[in-house]
Amino acid sequence: MDASTWDNIGRLKSWLDAEAGKRPETETRLLRVLKIVEEAGEAAEAVHGAVGGNPRKGASHTWDDVQKELADVIVTAMVALATLTPDAERVLGYRLQHLVDRVLEPQK
């Protein structure tokens, strides 16, 4: 990710804030976190379609569709994180480093 990624996340968040109208902050936060689940469901649907997992629908999606849906999940989560904290970039970076360190810690 480069600096423009978080700039674009900020732009999306600002647009959503302007379009959301007057909502209590807690409701806005809840809705943005719930949106992640909706997007994850779309990614799951695309996987089912890519492997033809639903006999009624057959091969309704491609792996390119799955990639697009996963990107939507990531962007939606980043917007939700930016909604919860103005320091979203640092929070994500710290958490990513924590996970990498935990998983890739040298074996003792």
C-alpha atoms as a PDB file:
ATOM      1  CA  MET A   1       0.000   0.000   0.000  1.00  0.00           C
ATOM      2  CA  ASP A   2       1.131   3.493  -0.664  1.00  0.00           C
ATOM      3  CA  ALA A   3      -0.029   6.789   0.821  1.00  0.00           C
ATOM      4  CA  SER A   4      -2.741   7.163  -1.811  1.00  0.00           C
ATOM      5  CA  THR A   5      -4.475   4.038  -0.495  1.00  0.00           C
ATOM      6  CA  TRP A   6      -5.306   5.652   2.830  1.00  0.00           C
ATOM      7  CA  ASP A   7      -6.086   8.952   1.095  1.00  0.00           C
ATOM      8  CA  ASN A   8      -8.651   7.113  -1.029  1.00  0.00           C
ATOM      9  CA  ILE A   9     -10.065   5.340   2.037  1.00  0.00           C
ATOM     10  CA  GLY A  10     -10.461   8.775   3.632  1.00  0.00           C
ATOM     11  CA  ARG A  11     -12.248  10.048   0.551  1.00  0.00           C
ATOM     12  CA  LEU A  12     -14.649   7.086   0.594  1.00  0.00           C
ATOM     13  CA  LYS A  13     -15.282   7.565   4.315  1.00  0.00           C
ATOM     14  CA  SER A  14     -15.960  11.279   3.809  1.00  0.00           C
ATOM     15  CA  TRP A  15     -18.411  10.512   1.009  1.00  0.00           C
ATOM     16  CA  LEU A  16     -20.182   7.929   3.158  1.00  0.00           C
ATOM     17  CA  ASP A  17     -20.304  10.358   6.089  1.00  0.00           C
ATOM     18  CA  ALA A  18     -21.891  13.019   3.875  1.00  0.00           C
ATOM     19  CA  GLU A  19     -24.417  10.599   2.372  1.00  0.00           C
ATOM     20  CA  ALA A  20     -25.367   8.905   5.651  1.00  0.00           C
ATOM     21  CA  GLY A  21     -27.274  11.876   6.969  1.00  0.00           C
ATOM     22  CA  LYS A  22     -27.651  12.492  10.668  1.00  0.00           C
ATOM     23  CA  ARG A  23     -27.043   9.172  12.391  1.00  0.00           C
ATOM     24  CA  PRO A  24     -25.757   8.592  15.871  1.00  0.00           C
ATOM     25  CA  GLU A  25     -22.040   7.718  15.817  1.00  0.00           C
ATOM     26  CA  THR A  26     -22.689   4.276  17.317  1.00  0.00           C
ATOM     27  CA  GLU A  27     -25.153   3.425  14.554  1.00  0.00           C
ATOM     28  CA  THR A  28     -22.700   4.545  11.860  1.00  0.00           C
ATOM     29  CA  ARG A  29     -19.978   2.377  13.387  1.00  0.00           C
ATOM     30  CA  LEU A  30     -22.263  -0.650  13.627  1.00  0.00           C
ATOM     31  CA  LEU A  31     -23.490  -0.308  10.059  1.00  0.00           C
ATOM     32  CA  ARG A  32     -19.954  -0.035   8.677  1.00  0.00           C
ATOM     33  CA  VAL A  33     -18.803  -3.127  10.559  1.00  0.00           C
ATOM     34  CA  LEU A  34     -21.904  -5.037   9.441  1.00  0.00           C
ATOM     35  CA  LYS A  35     -21.153  -4.022   5.838  1.00  0.00           C
ATOM     36  CA  ILE A  36     -17.960  -6.103   6.090  1.00  0.00           C
ATOM     37  CA  VAL A  37     -20.080  -9.193   6.721  1.00  0.00           C
ATOM     38  CA  GLU A  38     -22.264  -8.387   3.719  1.00  0.00           C
ATOM     39  CA  GLU A  39     -19.211  -8.059   1.487  1.00  0.00           C
ATOM     40  CA  ALA A  40     -17.727 -11.301   2.877  1.00  0.00           C
ATOM     41  CA  GLY A  41     -20.988 -13.025   1.981  1.00  0.00           C
ATOM     42  CA  GLU A  42     -20.624 -11.776  -1.580  1.00  0.00           C
ATOM     43  CA  ALA A  43     -17.093 -13.193  -1.678  1.00  0.00           C
ATOM     44  CA  ALA A  44     -18.400 -16.533  -0.410  1.00  0.00           C
ATOM     45  CA  GLU A  45     -21.134 -16.501  -3.059  1.00  0.00           C
ATOM     46  CA  ALA A  46     -18.499 -15.848  -5.729  1.00  0.00           C
ATOM     47  CA  VAL A  47     -16.435 -18.832  -4.504  1.00  0.00           C
ATOM     48  CA  HIS A  48     -19.501 -21.058  -4.709  1.00  0.00           C
ATOM     49  CA  GLY A  49     -20.078 -19.787  -8.219  1.00  0.00           C
ATOM     50  CA  ALA A  50     -16.449 -20.235  -9.254  1.00  0.00           C
ATOM     51  CA  VAL A  51     -16.441 -23.894  -8.231  1.00  0.00           C
ATOM     52  CA  GLY A  52     -20.015 -24.563  -9.333  1.00  0.00           C
ATOM     53  CA  GLY A  53     -20.964 -25.395  -5.749  1.00  0.00           C
ATOM     54  CA  ASN A  54     -24.651 -24.640  -6.219  1.00  0.00           C
ATOM     55  CA  PRO A  55     -26.163 -27.165  -8.645  1.00  0.00           C
ATOM     56  CA  ARG A  56     -29.063 -24.840  -9.388  1.00  0.00           C
ATOM     57  CA  LYS A  57     -26.772 -21.979 -10.490  1.00  0.00           C
ATOM     58  CA  GLY A  58     -23.769 -23.863 -11.849  1.00  0.00           C
ATOM     59  CA  ALA A  59     -20.584 -21.934 -12.608  1.00  0.00           C
ATOM     60  CA  SER A  60     -22.022 -18.458 -12.104  1.00  0.00           C
ATOM     61  CA  HIS A  61     -18.769 -16.673 -11.172  1.00  0.00           C
ATOM     62  CA  THR A  62     -15.083 -16.700 -12.008  1.00  0.00           C
ATOM     63  CA  TRP A  63     -11.992 -16.490  -9.807  1.00  0.00           C
ATOM     64  CA  ASP A  64     -11.636 -12.911 -11.081  1.00  0.00           C
ATOM     65  CA  ASP A  65     -15.033 -12.245  -9.482  1.00  0.00           C
ATOM     66  CA  VAL A  66     -13.722 -13.710  -6.218  1.00  0.00           C
ATOM     67  CA  GLN A  67     -10.699 -11.393  -6.371  1.00  0.00           C
ATOM     68  CA  LYS A  68     -12.941  -8.363  -6.861  1.00  0.00           C
ATOM     69  CA  GLU A  69     -15.181  -9.380  -3.967  1.00  0.00           C
ATOM     70  CA  LEU A  70     -12.195  -9.945  -1.677  1.00  0.00           C
ATOM     71  CA  ALA A  71     -10.880  -6.497  -2.584  1.00  0.00           C
ATOM     72  CA  ASP A  72     -14.309  -5.090  -1.661  1.00  0.00           C
ATOM     73  CA  VAL A  73     -14.063  -6.844   1.739  1.00  0.00           C
ATOM     74  CA  ILE A  74     -10.649  -5.293   2.361  1.00  0.00           C
ATOM     75  CA  VAL A  75     -11.723  -1.780   1.335  1.00  0.00           C
ATOM     76  CA  THR A  76     -14.900  -2.029   3.403  1.00  0.00           C
ATOM     77  CA  ALA A  77     -12.924  -3.145   6.450  1.00  0.00           C
ATOM     78  CA  MET A  78     -10.466  -0.298   5.975  1.00  0.00           C
ATOM     79  CA  VAL A  79     -13.315   2.221   5.805  1.00  0.00           C
ATOM     80  CA  ALA A  80     -14.845   0.703   8.945  1.00  0.00           C
ATOM     81  CA  LEU A  81     -11.494   0.909  10.740  1.00  0.00           C
ATOM     82  CA  ALA A  82     -11.101   4.548   9.639  1.00  0.00           C
ATOM     83  CA  THR A  83     -14.585   5.174  11.018  1.00  0.00           C
ATOM     84  CA  LEU A  84     -13.530   3.826  14.420  1.00  0.00           C
ATOM     85  CA  THR A  85     -10.198   5.633  14.663  1.00  0.00           C
ATOM     86  CA  PRO A  86      -8.462   8.534  12.928  1.00  0.00           C
ATOM     87  CA  ASP A  87      -5.245   6.501  13.322  1.00  0.00           C
ATOM     88  CA  ALA A  88      -6.419   3.574  11.172  1.00  0.00           C
ATOM     89  CA  GLU A  89      -3.213   3.318   9.151  1.00  0.00           C
ATOM     90  CA  ARG A  90      -1.102   2.924  12.289  1.00  0.00           C
ATOM     91  CA  VAL A  91      -3.567   0.480  13.868  1.00  0.00           C
ATOM     92  CA  LEU A  92      -3.561  -1.719  10.763  1.00  0.00           C
ATOM     93  CA  GLY A  93       0.205  -1.549  10.405  1.00  0.00           C
ATOM     94  CA  TYR A  94       0.748  -2.455  14.068  1.00  0.00           C
ATOM     95  CA  ARG A  95      -1.723  -5.346  13.907  1.00  0.00           C
ATOM     96  CA  LEU A  96      -0.247  -6.691  10.676  1.00  0.00           C
ATOM     97  CA  GLN A  97       3.236  -6.610  12.180  1.00  0.00           C
ATOM     98  CA  HIS A  98       1.957  -8.354  15.320  1.00  0.00           C
ATOM     99  CA  LEU A  99       0.416 -11.153  13.259  1.00  0.00           C
ATOM    100  CA  VAL A 100       3.526 -11.553  11.104  1.00  0.00           C
ATOM    101  CA  ASP A 101       5.765 -11.665  14.167  1.00  0.00           C
ATOM    102  CA  ARG A 102       3.532 -14.215  15.884  1.00  0.00           C
ATOM    103  CA  VAL A 103       3.212 -16.507  12.905  1.00  0.00           C
ATOM    104  CA  LEU A 104       6.752 -16.186  11.593  1.00  0.00           C
ATOM    105  CA  GLU A 105       8.483 -16.243  14.964  1.00  0.00           C
ATOM    106  CA  PRO A 106      11.530 -18.514  14.792  1.00  0.00           C
ATOM    107  CA  GLN A 107      10.922 -22.009  16.157  1.00  0.00           C
ATOM    108  CA  LYS A 108      12.534 -22.617  19.548  1.00  0.00           C
END
